[in-house]
PDB file of N, CA and C in Angstrom:
ATOM      1  N   MET A   1     -19.894  85.247 135.989  1.00  0.00           N
ATOM      2  CA  MET A   1     -20.165  85.599 134.610  1.00  0.00           C
ATOM      3  C   MET A   1     -19.837  84.424 133.679  1.00  0.00           C
ATOM      4  N   ASN A   2     -18.772  83.706 133.967  1.00  0.00           N
ATOM      5  CA  ASN A   2     -18.395  82.582 133.109  1.00  0.00           C
ATOM      6  C   ASN A   2     -19.460  81.498 133.102  1.00  0.00           C
ATOM      7  N   TRP A   3     -20.124  81.285 134.242  1.00  0.00           N
ATOM      8  CA  TRP A   3     -21.174  80.270 134.301  1.00  0.00           C
ATOM      9  C   TRP A   3     -22.365  80.655 133.439  1.00  0.00           C
ATOM     10  N   ILE A   4     -22.687  81.928 133.409  1.00  0.00           N
ATOM     11  CA  ILE A   4     -23.804  82.398 132.584  1.00  0.00           C
ATOM     12  C   ILE A   4     -23.503  82.160 131.108  1.00  0.00           C
ATOM     13  N   ILE A   5     -22.289  82.469 130.695  1.00  0.00           N
ATOM     14  CA  ILE A   5     -21.883  82.242 129.310  1.00  0.00           C
ATOM     15  C   ILE A   5     -21.917  80.753 128.983  1.00  0.00           C
ATOM     16  N   LEU A   6     -21.467  79.925 129.892  1.00  0.00           N
ATOM     17  CA  LEU A   6     -21.484  78.483 129.683  1.00  0.00           C
ATOM     18  C   LEU A   6     -22.910  77.955 129.537  1.00  0.00           C
ATOM     19  N   ILE A   7     -23.813  78.434 130.365  1.00  0.00           N
ATOM     20  CA  ILE A   7     -25.209  78.001 130.295  1.00  0.00           C
ATOM     21  C   ILE A   7     -25.846  78.477 128.993  1.00  0.00           C
ATOM     22  N   LEU A   8     -25.595  79.712 128.588  1.00  0.00           N
ATOM     23  CA  LEU A   8     -26.123  80.220 127.315  1.00  0.00           C
ATOM     24  C   LEU A   8     -25.579  79.423 126.128  1.00  0.00           C
ATOM     25  N   ALA A   9     -24.315  79.070 126.174  1.00  0.00           N
ATOM     26  CA  ALA A   9     -23.725  78.262 125.106  1.00  0.00           C
ATOM     27  C   ALA A   9     -24.389  76.889 125.049  1.00  0.00           C
ATOM     28  N   GLY A  10     -24.700  76.330 126.194  1.00  0.00           N
ATOM     29  CA  GLY A  10     -25.400  75.044 126.231  1.00  0.00           C
ATOM     30  C   GLY A  10     -26.781  75.135 125.615  1.00  0.00           C
ATOM     31  N   PHE A  11     -27.509  76.216 125.914  1.00  0.00           N
ATOM     32  CA  PHE A  11     -28.826  76.419 125.313  1.00  0.00           C
ATOM     33  C   PHE A  11     -28.722  76.585 123.798  1.00  0.00           C
ATOM     34  N   CYS A  12     -27.717  77.326 123.348  1.00  0.00           N
ATOM     35  CA  CYS A  12     -27.526  77.509 121.906  1.00  0.00           C
ATOM     36  C   CYS A  12     -27.212  76.182 121.229  1.00  0.00           C
ATOM     37  N   GLU A  13     -26.352  75.392 121.833  1.00  0.00           N
ATOM     38  CA  GLU A  13     -26.002  74.099 121.250  1.00  0.00           C
ATOM     39  C   GLU A  13     -27.223  73.183 121.177  1.00  0.00           C
ATOM     40  N   THR A  14     -28.024  73.199 122.218  1.00  0.00           N
ATOM     41  CA  THR A  14     -29.242  72.395 122.211  1.00  0.00           C
ATOM     42  C   THR A  14     -30.200  72.880 121.132  1.00  0.00           C
ATOM     43  N   GLY A  15     -30.334  74.183 120.992  1.00  0.00           N
ATOM     44  CA  GLY A  15     -31.195  74.749 119.953  1.00  0.00           C
ATOM     45  C   GLY A  15     -30.714  74.404 118.555  1.00  0.00           C
ATOM     46  N   PHE A  16     -29.402  74.464 118.330  1.00  0.00           N
ATOM     47  CA  PHE A  16     -28.846  74.102 117.031  1.00  0.00           C
ATOM     48  C   PHE A  16     -29.159  72.646 116.694  1.00  0.00           C
ATOM     49  N   THR A  17     -28.962  71.767 117.670  1.00  0.00           N
ATOM     50  CA  THR A  17     -29.220  70.350 117.459  1.00  0.00           C
ATOM     51  C   THR A  17     -30.694  70.106 117.164  1.00  0.00           C
ATOM     52  N   PHE A  18     -31.573  70.783 117.891  1.00  0.00           N
ATOM     53  CA  PHE A  18     -33.015  70.653 117.668  1.00  0.00           C
ATOM     54  C   PHE A  18     -33.381  71.086 116.251  1.00  0.00           C
ATOM     55  N   CYS A  19     -32.860  72.236 115.817  1.00  0.00           N
ATOM     56  CA  CYS A  19     -33.172  72.751 114.484  1.00  0.00           C
ATOM     57  C   CYS A  19     -32.662  71.817 113.393  1.00  0.00           C
ATOM     58  N   LEU A  20     -31.466  71.276 113.564  1.00  0.00           N
ATOM     59  CA  LEU A  20     -30.946  70.357 112.557  1.00  0.00           C
ATOM     60  C   LEU A  20     -31.764  69.076 112.508  1.00  0.00           C
ATOM     61  N   GLY A  21     -32.215  68.596 113.652  1.00  0.00           N
ATOM     62  CA  GLY A  21     -33.056  67.407 113.686  1.00  0.00           C
ATOM     63  C   GLY A  21     -34.377  67.633 112.974  1.00  0.00           C
ATOM     64  N   LYS A  22     -34.984  68.784 113.194  1.00  0.00           N
ATOM     65  CA  LYS A  22     -36.243  69.115 112.520  1.00  0.00           C
ATOM     66  C   LYS A  22     -36.024  69.316 111.017  1.00  0.00           C
ATOM     67  N   ALA A  23     -34.907  69.932 110.639  1.00  0.00           N
ATOM     68  CA  ALA A  23     -34.615  70.157 109.223  1.00  0.00           C
ATOM     69  C   ALA A  23     -34.397  68.839 108.496  1.00  0.00           C
ATOM     70  N   LYS A  24     -33.853  67.861 109.186  1.00  0.00           N
ATOM     71  CA  LYS A  24     -33.607  66.553 108.577  1.00  0.00           C
ATOM     72  C   LYS A  24     -34.918  65.896 108.141  1.00  0.00           C
ATOM     73  N   LEU A  25     -35.993  66.127 108.885  1.00  0.00           N
ATOM     74  CA  LEU A  25     -37.283  65.515 108.592  1.00  0.00           C
ATOM     75  C   LEU A  25     -38.167  66.378 107.694  1.00  0.00           C
ATOM     76  N   ALA A  26     -37.812  67.636 107.504  1.00  0.00           N
ATOM     77  CA  ALA A  26     -38.653  68.574 106.765  1.00  0.00           C
ATOM     78  C   ALA A  26     -38.306  68.562 105.275  1.00  0.00           C
ATOM     79  N   VAL A  27     -39.233  69.078 104.482  1.00  0.00           N
ATOM     80  CA  VAL A  27     -39.010  69.218 103.038  1.00  0.00           C
ATOM     81  C   VAL A  27     -39.489  70.597 102.600  1.00  0.00           C
ATOM     82  N   GLY A  28     -38.963  71.066 101.490  1.00  0.00           N
ATOM     83  CA  GLY A  28     -39.416  72.319 100.880  1.00  0.00           C
ATOM     84  C   GLY A  28     -39.138  73.548 101.727  1.00  0.00           C
ATOM     85  N   ALA A  29     -40.149  74.411 101.805  1.00  0.00           N
ATOM     86  CA  ALA A  29     -40.008  75.686 102.513  1.00  0.00           C
ATOM     87  C   ALA A  29     -39.794  75.474 104.008  1.00  0.00           C
ATOM     88  N   GLU A  30     -40.372  74.423 104.551  1.00  0.00           N
ATOM     89  CA  GLU A  30     -40.182  74.145 105.975  1.00  0.00           C
ATOM     90  C   GLU A  30     -38.715  73.848 106.265  1.00  0.00           C
ATOM     91  N   TRP A  31     -38.033  73.166 105.349  1.00  0.00           N
ATOM     92  CA  TRP A  31     -36.607  72.874 105.512  1.00  0.00           C
ATOM     93  C   TRP A  31     -35.811  74.171 105.585  1.00  0.00           C
ATOM     94  N   TRP A  32     -36.124  75.099 104.677  1.00  0.00           N
ATOM     95  CA  TRP A  32     -35.426  76.384 104.673  1.00  0.00           C
ATOM     96  C   TRP A  32     -35.663  77.156 105.964  1.00  0.00           C
ATOM     97  N   ALA A  33     -36.863  77.072 106.505  1.00  0.00           N
ATOM     98  CA  ALA A  33     -37.170  77.772 107.759  1.00  0.00           C
ATOM     99  C   ALA A  33     -36.316  77.219 108.903  1.00  0.00           C
ATOM    100  N   TRP A  34     -36.183  75.901 109.005  1.00  0.00           N
ATOM    101  CA  TRP A  34     -35.373  75.310 110.077  1.00  0.00           C
ATOM    102  C   TRP A  34     -33.889  75.609 109.906  1.00  0.00           C
ATOM    103  N   ILE A  35     -33.414  75.598 108.665  1.00  0.00           N
ATOM    104  CA  ILE A  35     -32.007  75.911 108.428  1.00  0.00           C
ATOM    105  C   ILE A  35     -31.728  77.383 108.763  1.00  0.00           C
ATOM    106  N   THR A  36     -32.678  78.258 108.436  1.00  0.00           N
ATOM    107  CA  THR A  36     -32.523  79.681 108.768  1.00  0.00           C
ATOM    108  C   THR A  36     -32.451  79.871 110.282  1.00  0.00           C
ATOM    109  N   GLU A  37     -33.289  79.179 111.020  1.00  0.00           N
ATOM    110  CA  GLU A  37     -33.248  79.279 112.483  1.00  0.00           C
ATOM    111  C   GLU A  37     -31.935  78.726 113.031  1.00  0.00           C
ATOM    112  N   PHE A  38     -31.409  77.696 112.395  1.00  0.00           N
ATOM    113  CA  PHE A  38     -30.130  77.139 112.807  1.00  0.00           C
ATOM    114  C   PHE A  38     -28.999  78.158 112.645  1.00  0.00           C
ATOM    115  N   VAL A  39     -29.031  78.894 111.541  1.00  0.00           N
ATOM    116  CA  VAL A  39     -27.971  79.858 111.239  1.00  0.00           C
ATOM    117  C   VAL A  39     -28.039  81.072 112.156  1.00  0.00           C
ATOM    118  N   LYS A  40     -29.243  81.453 112.571  1.00  0.00           N
ATOM    119  CA  LYS A  40     -29.397  82.638 113.432  1.00  0.00           C
ATOM    120  C   LYS A  40     -28.617  82.444 114.640  1.00  0.00           C
TER     121      LYS A  40
END
């Protein structure tokens, strides 16, 4: 069970990093969409 949690945490961390990278390049409403996905 601990390995599953570790793998899920890794996927979440990768997703957070991806969303922040996309938000850095976005402007306007697109920026808000990426930040919202980051917060989820």
